[in-house]
Amino acid sequence: MLSWSSQETEQRINLLPIAEGSGDPLLPGGSELIDFVNVTLAGNGISAARNAVADTIGPAAAVDAAAVIGNFEMMNRIADGVGMPVGAGTRTSMAGIIRELRLDGFPHA
């Protein structure tokens, strides 16, 4: 979704820092958003990271970011829980991003 929306809005983006969990993805508040995701998933330091996001891109965007984190966690848990495989068509259409993010080293269901 992020790669598609960046094309639609003509926003330059570097997906590698997002996959690696650190760095500048070339998005407004991108580094702060990456930190917010990391500490939210780790379960500690959330207040400081949330405040950094709110200070950088605004309180409403911080709420949106928290909602996106929660939604992705929910979707991943459901997909993992039911053993949903990544389809061959998805792997084909996303081949460039899979290579760029070095995801092809992970086992697939």
PDB file of N, CA and C in Angstrom:
ATOM      1  N   MET A   1       0.809  -1.188   0.000  1.00  0.00           N
ATOM      2  CA  MET A   1       0.000   0.000   0.000  1.00  0.00           C
ATOM      3  C   MET A   1       0.857   1.259   0.000  1.00  0.00           C
ATOM      4  N   LEU A   2       1.914   1.263   0.808  1.00  0.00           N
ATOM      5  CA  LEU A   2       2.743   2.455   0.900  1.00  0.00           C
ATOM      6  C   LEU A   2       3.441   2.750  -0.417  1.00  0.00           C
ATOM      7  N   SER A   3       3.927   1.717  -1.081  1.00  0.00           N
ATOM      8  CA  SER A   3       4.586   1.961  -2.366  1.00  0.00           C
ATOM      9  C   SER A   3       3.581   2.487  -3.389  1.00  0.00           C
ATOM     10  N   TRP A   4       2.346   1.986  -3.368  1.00  0.00           N
ATOM     11  CA  TRP A   4       1.312   2.465  -4.293  1.00  0.00           C
ATOM     12  C   TRP A   4       0.942   3.912  -3.975  1.00  0.00           C
ATOM     13  N   SER A   5       0.701   4.205  -2.698  1.00  0.00           N
ATOM     14  CA  SER A   5       0.286   5.572  -2.355  1.00  0.00           C
ATOM     15  C   SER A   5       1.399   6.570  -2.631  1.00  0.00           C
ATOM     16  N   SER A   6       2.650   6.167  -2.481  1.00  0.00           N
ATOM     17  CA  SER A   6       3.753   7.088  -2.787  1.00  0.00           C
ATOM     18  C   SER A   6       3.797   7.391  -4.284  1.00  0.00           C
ATOM     19  N   GLN A   7       3.452   6.418  -5.112  1.00  0.00           N
ATOM     20  CA  GLN A   7       3.399   6.670  -6.551  1.00  0.00           C
ATOM     21  C   GLN A   7       2.237   7.600  -6.888  1.00  0.00           C
ATOM     22  N   GLU A   8       1.106   7.384  -6.257  1.00  0.00           N
ATOM     23  CA  GLU A   8      -0.075   8.199  -6.528  1.00  0.00           C
ATOM     24  C   GLU A   8       0.129   9.655  -6.110  1.00  0.00           C
ATOM     25  N   THR A   9       0.844   9.865  -5.012  1.00  0.00           N
ATOM     26  CA  THR A   9       1.051  11.224  -4.504  1.00  0.00           C
ATOM     27  C   THR A   9       2.379  11.815  -4.962  1.00  0.00           C
ATOM     28  N   GLU A  10       3.144  11.019  -5.716  1.00  0.00           N
ATOM     29  CA  GLU A  10       4.475  11.421  -6.186  1.00  0.00           C
ATOM     30  C   GLU A  10       5.412  11.762  -5.026  1.00  0.00           C
ATOM     31  N   GLN A  11       5.228  11.090  -3.906  1.00  0.00           N
ATOM     32  CA  GLN A  11       6.077  11.237  -2.726  1.00  0.00           C
ATOM     33  C   GLN A  11       7.231  10.248  -2.842  1.00  0.00           C
ATOM     34  N   ARG A  12       8.457  10.753  -2.866  1.00  0.00           N
ATOM     35  CA  ARG A  12       9.612   9.855  -2.878  1.00  0.00           C
ATOM     36  C   ARG A  12       9.620   9.062  -1.578  1.00  0.00           C
ATOM     37  N   ILE A  13      10.031   7.815  -1.660  1.00  0.00           N
ATOM     38  CA  ILE A  13      10.075   6.965  -0.473  1.00  0.00           C
ATOM     39  C   ILE A  13      11.219   5.972  -0.618  1.00  0.00           C
ATOM     40  N   ASN A  14      11.824   5.666   0.499  1.00  0.00           N
ATOM     41  CA  ASN A  14      12.846   4.631   0.566  1.00  0.00           C
ATOM     42  C   ASN A  14      12.294   3.551   1.492  1.00  0.00           C
ATOM     43  N   LEU A  15      11.910   2.414   0.928  1.00  0.00           N
ATOM     44  CA  LEU A  15      11.283   1.359   1.723  1.00  0.00           C
ATOM     45  C   LEU A  15      12.266   0.592   2.595  1.00  0.00           C
ATOM     46  N   LEU A  16      13.550   0.611   2.269  1.00  0.00           N
ATOM     47  CA  LEU A  16      14.524  -0.182   3.013  1.00  0.00           C
ATOM     48  C   LEU A  16      14.584   0.198   4.498  1.00  0.00           C
ATOM     49  N   PRO A  17      14.623   1.486   4.871  1.00  0.00           N
ATOM     50  CA  PRO A  17      14.613   1.793   6.306  1.00  0.00           C
ATOM     51  C   PRO A  17      13.369   1.272   7.021  1.00  0.00           C
ATOM     52  N   ILE A  18      12.257   1.218   6.313  1.00  0.00           N
ATOM     53  CA  ILE A  18      11.037   0.691   6.925  1.00  0.00           C
ATOM     54  C   ILE A  18      11.212  -0.800   7.212  1.00  0.00           C
ATOM     55  N   ALA A  19      11.769  -1.522   6.255  1.00  0.00           N
ATOM     56  CA  ALA A  19      11.990  -2.960   6.439  1.00  0.00           C
ATOM     57  C   ALA A  19      13.051  -3.232   7.500  1.00  0.00           C
ATOM     58  N   GLU A  20      14.087  -2.396   7.541  1.00  0.00           N
ATOM     59  CA  GLU A  20      15.178  -2.602   8.494  1.00  0.00           C
ATOM     60  C   GLU A  20      14.849  -2.084   9.880  1.00  0.00           C
ATOM     61  N   GLY A  21      13.856  -1.198   9.982  1.00  0.00           N
ATOM     62  CA  GLY A  21      13.451  -0.692  11.290  1.00  0.00           C
ATOM     63  C   GLY A  21      14.223   0.518  11.771  1.00  0.00           C
ATOM     64  N   SER A  22      15.003   1.140  10.895  1.00  0.00           N
ATOM     65  CA  SER A  22      15.700   2.371  11.269  1.00  0.00           C
ATOM     66  C   SER A  22      16.133   3.096  10.007  1.00  0.00           C
ATOM     67  N   GLY A  23      16.329   4.400  10.156  1.00  0.00           N
ATOM     68  CA  GLY A  23      16.768   5.204   9.028  1.00  0.00           C
ATOM     69  C   GLY A  23      15.688   6.171   8.586  1.00  0.00           C
ATOM     70  N   ASP A  24      15.949   6.851   7.494  1.00  0.00           N
ATOM     71  CA  ASP A  24      15.042   7.863   6.972  1.00  0.00           C
ATOM     72  C   ASP A  24      14.356   7.345   5.714  1.00  0.00           C
ATOM     73  N   PRO A  25      13.054   7.072   5.790  1.00  0.00           N
ATOM     74  CA  PRO A  25      12.334   6.581   4.611  1.00  0.00           C
ATOM     75  C   PRO A  25      11.927   7.687   3.632  1.00  0.00           C
ATOM     76  N   LEU A  26      12.378   8.915   3.881  1.00  0.00           N
ATOM     77  CA  LEU A  26      12.094  10.080   3.033  1.00  0.00           C
ATOM     78  C   LEU A  26      10.651  10.553   3.148  1.00  0.00           C
ATOM     79  N   LEU A  27       9.982  10.196   4.215  1.00  0.00           N
ATOM     80  CA  LEU A  27       8.611  10.639   4.482  1.00  0.00           C
ATOM     81  C   LEU A  27       8.632  11.680   5.587  1.00  0.00           C
ATOM     82  N   PRO A  28       7.707  12.628   5.573  1.00  0.00           N
ATOM     83  CA  PRO A  28       7.621  13.559   6.703  1.00  0.00           C
ATOM     84  C   PRO A  28       7.401  12.787   8.002  1.00  0.00           C
ATOM     85  N   GLY A  29       8.273  12.980   8.961  1.00  0.00           N
ATOM     86  CA  GLY A  29       8.166  12.267  10.232  1.00  0.00           C
ATOM     87  C   GLY A  29       8.485  10.793  10.123  1.00  0.00           C
ATOM     88  N   GLY A  30       9.115  10.374   9.037  1.00  0.00           N
ATOM     89  CA  GLY A  30       9.360   8.952   8.793  1.00  0.00           C
ATOM     90  C   GLY A  30      10.189   8.271   9.858  1.00  0.00           C
ATOM     91  N   SER A  31      11.263   8.900  10.289  1.00  0.00           N
ATOM     92  CA  SER A  31      12.106   8.295  11.328  1.00  0.00           C
ATOM     93  C   SER A  31      11.334   8.148  12.634  1.00  0.00           C
ATOM     94  N   GLU A  32      10.554   9.171  12.973  1.00  0.00           N
ATOM     95  CA  GLU A  32       9.740   9.109  14.187  1.00  0.00           C
ATOM     96  C   GLU A  32       8.675   8.020  14.079  1.00  0.00           C
ATOM     97  N   LEU A  33       8.099   7.859  12.889  1.00  0.00           N
ATOM     98  CA  LEU A  33       7.103   6.795  12.697  1.00  0.00           C
ATOM     99  C   LEU A  33       7.729   5.412  12.844  1.00  0.00           C
ATOM    100  N   ILE A  34       8.928   5.236  12.286  1.00  0.00           N
ATOM    101  CA  ILE A  34       9.615   3.945  12.435  1.00  0.00           C
ATOM    102  C   ILE A  34       9.879   3.666  13.908  1.00  0.00           C
ATOM    103  N   ASP A  35      10.358   4.662  14.646  1.00  0.00           N
ATOM    104  CA  ASP A  35      10.596   4.477  16.080  1.00  0.00           C
ATOM    105  C   ASP A  35       9.301   4.130  16.813  1.00  0.00           C
ATOM    106  N   PHE A  36       8.207   4.787  16.434  1.00  0.00           N
ATOM    107  CA  PHE A  36       6.906   4.528  17.055  1.00  0.00           C
ATOM    108  C   PHE A  36       6.479   3.083  16.834  1.00  0.00           C
ATOM    109  N   VAL A  37       6.632   2.601  15.621  1.00  0.00           N
ATOM    110  CA  VAL A  37       6.302   1.200  15.337  1.00  0.00           C
ATOM    111  C   VAL A  37       7.166   0.277  16.183  1.00  0.00           C
ATOM    112  N   ASN A  38       8.469   0.514  16.194  1.00  0.00           N
ATOM    113  CA  ASN A  38       9.388  -0.362  16.928  1.00  0.00           C
ATOM    114  C   ASN A  38       9.054  -0.435  18.412  1.00  0.00           C
ATOM    115  N   VAL A  39       8.845   0.720  19.050  1.00  0.00           N
ATOM    116  CA  VAL A  39       8.572   0.682  20.490  1.00  0.00           C
ATOM    117  C   VAL A  39       7.174   0.169  20.789  1.00  0.00           C
ATOM    118  N   THR A  40       6.228   0.402  19.890  1.00  0.00           N
ATOM    119  CA  THR A  40       4.884  -0.133  20.102  1.00  0.00           C
ATOM    120  C   THR A  40       4.922  -1.656  20.084  1.00  0.00           C
ATOM    121  N   LEU A  41       5.645  -2.220  19.130  1.00  0.00           N
ATOM    122  CA  LEU A  41       5.727  -3.684  19.047  1.00  0.00           C
ATOM    123  C   LEU A  41       6.553  -4.259  20.195  1.00  0.00           C
ATOM    124  N   ALA A  42       7.543  -3.503  20.671  1.00  0.00           N
ATOM    125  CA  ALA A  42       8.366  -3.962  21.792  1.00  0.00           C
ATOM    126  C   ALA A  42       7.637  -3.804  23.122  1.00  0.00           C
ATOM    127  N   GLY A  43       6.720  -2.845  23.188  1.00  0.00           N
ATOM    128  CA  GLY A  43       5.920  -2.671  24.394  1.00  0.00           C
ATOM    129  C   GLY A  43       6.501  -1.728  25.431  1.00  0.00           C
ATOM    130  N   ASN A  44       7.538  -0.991  25.101  1.00  0.00           N
ATOM    131  CA  ASN A  44       8.060  -0.025  26.075  1.00  0.00           C
ATOM    132  C   ASN A  44       8.537   1.237  25.361  1.00  0.00           C
ATOM    133  N   GLY A  45       8.424   2.369  26.055  1.00  0.00           N
ATOM    134  CA  GLY A  45       8.820   3.636  25.464  1.00  0.00           C
ATOM    135  C   GLY A  45       7.773   4.239  24.539  1.00  0.00           C
ATOM    136  N   ILE A  46       6.553   3.759  24.636  1.00  0.00           N
ATOM    137  CA  ILE A  46       5.514   4.184  23.701  1.00  0.00           C
ATOM    138  C   ILE A  46       5.184   5.670  23.845  1.00  0.00           C
ATOM    139  N   SER A  47       5.090   6.169  25.067  1.00  0.00           N
ATOM    140  CA  SER A  47       4.700   7.569  25.272  1.00  0.00           C
ATOM    141  C   SER A  47       5.644   8.533  24.580  1.00  0.00           C
ATOM    142  N   ALA A  48       6.936   8.337  24.756  1.00  0.00           N
ATOM    143  CA  ALA A  48       7.917   9.244  24.153  1.00  0.00           C
ATOM    144  C   ALA A  48       7.855   9.171  22.625  1.00  0.00           C
ATOM    145  N   ALA A  49       7.731   7.974  22.087  1.00  0.00           N
ATOM    146  CA  ALA A  49       7.675   7.816  20.632  1.00  0.00           C
ATOM    147  C   ALA A  49       6.387   8.411  20.072  1.00  0.00           C
ATOM    148  N   ARG A  50       5.280   8.185  20.753  1.00  0.00           N
ATOM    149  CA  ARG A  50       3.998   8.759  20.319  1.00  0.00           C
ATOM    150  C   ARG A  50       4.062  10.281  20.339  1.00  0.00           C
ATOM    151  N   ASN A  51       4.656  10.841  21.387  1.00  0.00           N
ATOM    152  CA  ASN A  51       4.782  12.291  21.481  1.00  0.00           C
ATOM    153  C   ASN A  51       5.682  12.841  20.380  1.00  0.00           C
ATOM    154  N   ALA A  52       6.736  12.111  20.032  1.00  0.00           N
ATOM    155  CA  ALA A  52       7.623  12.553  18.950  1.00  0.00           C
ATOM    156  C   ALA A  52       6.876  12.589  17.615  1.00  0.00           C
ATOM    157  N   VAL A  53       6.036  11.574  17.373  1.00  0.00           N
ATOM    158  CA  VAL A  53       5.223  11.558  16.152  1.00  0.00           C
ATOM    159  C   VAL A  53       4.248  12.730  16.164  1.00  0.00           C
ATOM    160  N   ALA A  54       3.566  12.931  17.282  1.00  0.00           N
ATOM    161  CA  ALA A  54       2.586  14.020  17.379  1.00  0.00           C
ATOM    162  C   ALA A  54       3.254  15.379  17.200  1.00  0.00           C
ATOM    163  N   ASP A  55       4.444  15.543  17.774  1.00  0.00           N
ATOM    164  CA  ASP A  55       5.169  16.805  17.636  1.00  0.00           C
ATOM    165  C   ASP A  55       5.623  17.037  16.203  1.00  0.00           C
ATOM    166  N   THR A  56       5.954  15.962  15.484  1.00  0.00           N
ATOM    167  CA  THR A  56       6.500  16.088  14.137  1.00  0.00           C
ATOM    168  C   THR A  56       5.422  16.235  13.070  1.00  0.00           C
ATOM    169  N   ILE A  57       4.399  15.397  13.129  1.00  0.00           N
ATOM    170  CA  ILE A  57       3.394  15.422  12.057  1.00  0.00           C
ATOM    171  C   ILE A  57       1.976  15.692  12.549  1.00  0.00           C
ATOM    172  N   GLY A  58       1.829  15.935  13.856  1.00  0.00           N
ATOM    173  CA  GLY A  58       0.534  16.332  14.402  1.00  0.00           C
ATOM    174  C   GLY A  58      -0.173  15.222  15.159  1.00  0.00           C
ATOM    175  N   PRO A  59      -1.001  15.611  16.131  1.00  0.00           N
ATOM    176  CA  PRO A  59      -1.713  14.632  16.956  1.00  0.00           C
ATOM    177  C   PRO A  59      -2.650  13.726  16.167  1.00  0.00           C
ATOM    178  N   ALA A  60      -3.349  14.270  15.178  1.00  0.00           N
ATOM    179  CA  ALA A  60      -4.269  13.435  14.389  1.00  0.00           C
ATOM    180  C   ALA A  60      -3.497  12.369  13.623  1.00  0.00           C
ATOM    181  N   ALA A  61      -2.335  12.726  13.096  1.00  0.00           N
ATOM    182  CA  ALA A  61      -1.517  11.742  12.375  1.00  0.00           C
ATOM    183  C   ALA A  61      -0.966  10.685  13.326  1.00  0.00           C
ATOM    184  N   ALA A  62      -0.690  11.068  14.575  1.00  0.00           N
ATOM    185  CA  ALA A  62      -0.231  10.085  15.562  1.00  0.00           C
ATOM    186  C   ALA A  62      -1.329   9.063  15.844  1.00  0.00           C
ATOM    187  N   VAL A  63      -2.569   9.530  15.926  1.00  0.00           N
ATOM    188  CA  VAL A  63      -3.707   8.619  16.115  1.00  0.00           C
ATOM    189  C   VAL A  63      -3.831   7.698  14.904  1.00  0.00           C
ATOM    190  N   ASP A  64      -3.718   8.260  13.702  1.00  0.00           N
ATOM    191  CA  ASP A  64      -3.773   7.447  12.482  1.00  0.00           C
ATOM    192  C   ASP A  64      -2.666   6.397  12.479  1.00  0.00           C
ATOM    193  N   ALA A  65      -1.460   6.801  12.863  1.00  0.00           N
ATOM    194  CA  ALA A  65      -0.331   5.861  12.887  1.00  0.00           C
ATOM    195  C   ALA A  65      -0.597   4.725  13.862  1.00  0.00           C
ATOM    196  N   ALA A  66      -1.121   5.050  15.045  1.00  0.00           N
ATOM    197  CA  ALA A  66      -1.436   4.002  16.025  1.00  0.00           C
ATOM    198  C   ALA A  66      -2.494   3.051  15.479  1.00  0.00           C
ATOM    199  N   ALA A  67      -3.479   3.589  14.763  1.00  0.00           N
ATOM    200  CA  ALA A  67      -4.523   2.746  14.176  1.00  0.00           C
ATOM    201  C   ALA A  67      -3.946   1.820  13.110  1.00  0.00           C
ATOM    202  N   VAL A  68      -3.029   2.332  12.297  1.00  0.00           N
ATOM    203  CA  VAL A  68      -2.408   1.502  11.259  1.00  0.00           C
ATOM    204  C   VAL A  68      -1.576   0.389  11.893  1.00  0.00           C
ATOM    205  N   ILE A  69      -0.811   0.725  12.936  1.00  0.00           N
ATOM    206  CA  ILE A  69      -0.017  -0.295  13.629  1.00  0.00           C
ATOM    207  C   ILE A  69      -0.938  -1.392  14.162  1.00  0.00           C
ATOM    208  N   GLY A  70      -2.017  -0.996  14.832  1.00  0.00           N
ATOM    209  CA  GLY A  70      -2.956  -1.975  15.373  1.00  0.00           C
ATOM    210  C   GLY A  70      -3.605  -2.819  14.299  1.00  0.00           C
ATOM    211  N   ASN A  71      -3.965  -2.202  13.184  1.00  0.00           N
ATOM    212  CA  ASN A  71      -4.606  -2.942  12.101  1.00  0.00           C
ATOM    213  C   ASN A  71      -3.646  -3.961  11.486  1.00  0.00           C
ATOM    214  N   PHE A  72      -2.410  -3.565  11.243  1.00  0.00           N
ATOM    215  CA  PHE A  72      -1.456  -4.509  10.667  1.00  0.00           C
ATOM    216  C   PHE A  72      -1.169  -5.660  11.623  1.00  0.00           C
ATOM    217  N   GLU A  73      -1.060  -5.370  12.908  1.00  0.00           N
ATOM    218  CA  GLU A  73      -0.854  -6.441  13.880  1.00  0.00           C
ATOM    219  C   GLU A  73      -2.021  -7.421  13.851  1.00  0.00           C
ATOM    220  N   MET A  74      -3.239  -6.884  13.793  1.00  0.00           N
ATOM    221  CA  MET A  74      -4.432  -7.728  13.744  1.00  0.00           C
ATOM    222  C   MET A  74      -4.436  -8.591  12.485  1.00  0.00           C
ATOM    223  N   MET A  75      -4.167  -7.957  11.330  1.00  0.00           N
ATOM    224  CA  MET A  75      -4.194  -8.714  10.071  1.00  0.00           C
ATOM    225  C   MET A  75      -3.120  -9.804  10.060  1.00  0.00           C
ATOM    226  N   ASN A  76      -1.923  -9.477  10.539  1.00  0.00           N
ATOM    227  CA  ASN A  76      -0.852 -10.473  10.562  1.00  0.00           C
ATOM    228  C   ASN A  76      -1.174 -11.633  11.486  1.00  0.00           C
ATOM    229  N   ARG A  77      -1.741 -11.348  12.631  1.00  0.00           N
ATOM    230  CA  ARG A  77      -2.095 -12.429  13.567  1.00  0.00           C
ATOM    231  C   ARG A  77      -3.169 -13.338  12.987  1.00  0.00           C
ATOM    232  N   ILE A  78      -4.141 -12.758  12.319  1.00  0.00           N
ATOM    233  CA  ILE A  78      -5.189 -13.571  11.696  1.00  0.00           C
ATOM    234  C   ILE A  78      -4.594 -14.428  10.583  1.00  0.00           C
ATOM    235  N   ALA A  79      -3.785 -13.806   9.707  1.00  0.00           N
ATOM    236  CA  ALA A  79      -3.179 -14.553   8.596  1.00  0.00           C
ATOM    237  C   ALA A  79      -2.284 -15.677   9.119  1.00  0.00           C
ATOM    238  N   ASP A  80      -1.482 -15.384  10.131  1.00  0.00           N
ATOM    239  CA  ASP A  80      -0.621 -16.416  10.713  1.00  0.00           C
ATOM    240  C   ASP A  80      -1.450 -17.507  11.378  1.00  0.00           C
ATOM    241  N   GLY A  81      -2.512 -17.090  12.081  1.00  0.00           N
ATOM    242  CA  GLY A  81      -3.340 -18.047  12.817  1.00  0.00           C
ATOM    243  C   GLY A  81      -4.051 -19.045  11.926  1.00  0.00           C
ATOM    244  N   VAL A  82      -4.431 -18.609  10.742  1.00  0.00           N
ATOM    245  CA  VAL A  82      -5.137 -19.524   9.844  1.00  0.00           C
ATOM    246  C   VAL A  82      -4.183 -20.172   8.839  1.00  0.00           C
ATOM    247  N   GLY A  83      -2.895 -19.817   8.918  1.00  0.00           N
ATOM    248  CA  GLY A  83      -1.918 -20.422   8.013  1.00  0.00           C
ATOM    249  C   GLY A  83      -2.048 -19.956   6.581  1.00  0.00           C
ATOM    250  N   MET A  84      -2.465 -18.716   6.381  1.00  0.00           N
ATOM    251  CA  MET A  84      -2.693 -18.191   5.037  1.00  0.00           C
ATOM    252  C   MET A  84      -1.369 -17.998   4.291  1.00  0.00           C
ATOM    253  N   PRO A  85      -1.193 -18.685   3.184  1.00  0.00           N
ATOM    254  CA  PRO A  85       0.044 -18.528   2.416  1.00  0.00           C
ATOM    255  C   PRO A  85       0.014 -17.257   1.556  1.00  0.00           C
ATOM    256  N   VAL A  86       1.197 -16.794   1.225  1.00  0.00           N
ATOM    257  CA  VAL A  86       1.311 -15.685   0.276  1.00  0.00           C
ATOM    258  C   VAL A  86       1.221 -16.305  -1.108  1.00  0.00           C
ATOM    259  N   GLY A  87       0.251 -15.881  -1.893  1.00  0.00           N
ATOM    260  CA  GLY A  87       0.021 -16.473  -3.204  1.00  0.00           C
ATOM    261  C   GLY A  87       1.124 -16.174  -4.205  1.00  0.00           C
ATOM    262  N   ALA A  88       1.259 -17.034  -5.179  1.00  0.00           N
ATOM    263  CA  ALA A  88       2.274 -16.868  -6.222  1.00  0.00           C
ATOM    264  C   ALA A  88       2.053 -15.578  -7.005  1.00  0.00           C
ATOM    265  N   GLY A  89       0.801 -15.217  -7.253  1.00  0.00           N
ATOM    266  CA  GLY A  89       0.506 -13.980  -7.977  1.00  0.00           C
ATOM    267  C   GLY A  89       0.975 -12.756  -7.213  1.00  0.00           C
ATOM    268  N   THR A  90       0.776 -12.784  -5.903  1.00  0.00           N
ATOM    269  CA  THR A  90       1.242 -11.666  -5.073  1.00  0.00           C
ATOM    270  C   THR A  90       2.757 -11.597  -5.089  1.00  0.00           C
ATOM    271  N   ARG A  91       3.410 -12.749  -4.958  1.00  0.00           N
ATOM    272  CA  ARG A  91       4.881 -12.752  -4.985  1.00  0.00           C
ATOM    273  C   ARG A  91       5.392 -12.252  -6.327  1.00  0.00           C
ATOM    274  N   THR A  92       4.708 -12.582  -7.418  1.00  0.00           N
ATOM    275  CA  THR A  92       5.131 -12.128  -8.747  1.00  0.00           C
ATOM    276  C   THR A  92       4.941 -10.620  -8.884  1.00  0.00           C
ATOM    277  N   SER A  93       3.759 -10.128  -8.520  1.00  0.00           N
ATOM    278  CA  SER A  93       3.487  -8.699  -8.684  1.00  0.00           C
ATOM    279  C   SER A  93       4.305  -7.838  -7.734  1.00  0.00           C
ATOM    280  N   MET A  94       4.738  -8.407  -6.629  1.00  0.00           N
ATOM    281  CA  MET A  94       5.504  -7.653  -5.639  1.00  0.00           C
ATOM    282  C   MET A  94       6.994  -8.003  -5.676  1.00  0.00           C
ATOM    283  N   ALA A  95       7.452  -8.675  -6.735  1.00  0.00           N
ATOM    284  CA  ALA A  95       8.829  -9.171  -6.806  1.00  0.00           C
ATOM    285  C   ALA A  95       9.868  -8.084  -6.568  1.00  0.00           C
ATOM    286  N   GLY A  96       9.663  -6.917  -7.163  1.00  0.00           N
ATOM    287  CA  GLY A  96      10.628  -5.829  -6.992  1.00  0.00           C
ATOM    288  C   GLY A  96      10.742  -5.386  -5.551  1.00  0.00           C
ATOM    289  N   ILE A  97       9.613  -5.225  -4.894  1.00  0.00           N
ATOM    290  CA  ILE A  97       9.626  -4.812  -3.490  1.00  0.00           C
ATOM    291  C   ILE A  97      10.185  -5.921  -2.610  1.00  0.00           C
ATOM    292  N   ILE A  98       9.848  -7.158  -2.904  1.00  0.00           N
ATOM    293  CA  ILE A  98      10.368  -8.293  -2.136  1.00  0.00           C
ATOM    294  C   ILE A  98      11.885  -8.323  -2.214  1.00  0.00           C
ATOM    295  N   ARG A  99      12.443  -8.103  -3.415  1.00  0.00           N
ATOM    296  CA  ARG A  99      13.908  -8.056  -3.563  1.00  0.00           C
ATOM    297  C   ARG A  99      14.497  -6.858  -2.830  1.00  0.00           C
ATOM    298  N   GLU A 100      13.879  -5.690  -3.019  1.00  0.00           N
ATOM    299  CA  GLU A 100      14.390  -4.462  -2.408  1.00  0.00           C
ATOM    300  C   GLU A 100      14.442  -4.558  -0.885  1.00  0.00           C
ATOM    301  N   LEU A 101      13.438  -5.177  -0.308  1.00  0.00           N
ATOM    302  CA  LEU A 101      13.371  -5.304   1.158  1.00  0.00           C
ATOM    303  C   LEU A 101      14.031  -6.572   1.659  1.00  0.00           C
ATOM    304  N   ARG A 102      14.572  -7.342   0.742  1.00  0.00           N
ATOM    305  CA  ARG A 102      15.278  -8.595   1.085  1.00  0.00           C
ATOM    306  C   ARG A 102      14.377  -9.579   1.827  1.00  0.00           C
ATOM    307  N   LEU A 103      13.113  -9.650   1.386  1.00  0.00           N
ATOM    308  CA  LEU A 103      12.157 -10.550   2.019  1.00  0.00           C
ATOM    309  C   LEU A 103      12.202 -11.947   1.447  1.00  0.00           C
ATOM    310  N   ASP A 104      12.909 -12.121   0.326  1.00  0.00           N
ATOM    311  CA  ASP A 104      12.933 -13.440  -0.303  1.00  0.00           C
ATOM    312  C   ASP A 104      13.729 -14.465   0.486  1.00  0.00           C
ATOM    313  N   GLY A 105      14.410 -14.050   1.543  1.00  0.00           N
ATOM    314  CA  GLY A 105      15.133 -14.991   2.385  1.00  0.00           C
ATOM    315  C   GLY A 105      14.271 -15.632   3.455  1.00  0.00           C
ATOM    316  N   PHE A 106      13.031 -15.162   3.594  1.00  0.00           N
ATOM    317  CA  PHE A 106      12.134 -15.722   4.601  1.00  0.00           C
ATOM    318  C   PHE A 106      11.383 -16.916   4.020  1.00  0.00           C
ATOM    319  N   PRO A 107      11.133 -17.947   4.819  1.00  0.00           N
ATOM    320  CA  PRO A 107      10.356 -19.076   4.310  1.00  0.00           C
ATOM    321  C   PRO A 107       8.909 -18.667   4.078  1.00  0.00           C
ATOM    322  N   HIS A 108       8.305 -19.232   3.059  1.00  0.00           N
ATOM    323  CA  HIS A 108       6.902 -18.951   2.748  1.00  0.00           C
ATOM    324  C   HIS A 108       6.079 -20.184   3.015  1.00  0.00           C
ATOM    325  N   ALA A 109       4.841 -19.943   3.422  1.00  0.00           N
ATOM    326  CA  ALA A 109       3.924 -21.057   3.693  1.00  0.00           C
ATOM    327  C   ALA A 109       3.523 -21.695   2.370  1.00  0.00           C
TER     328      ALA A 109
END
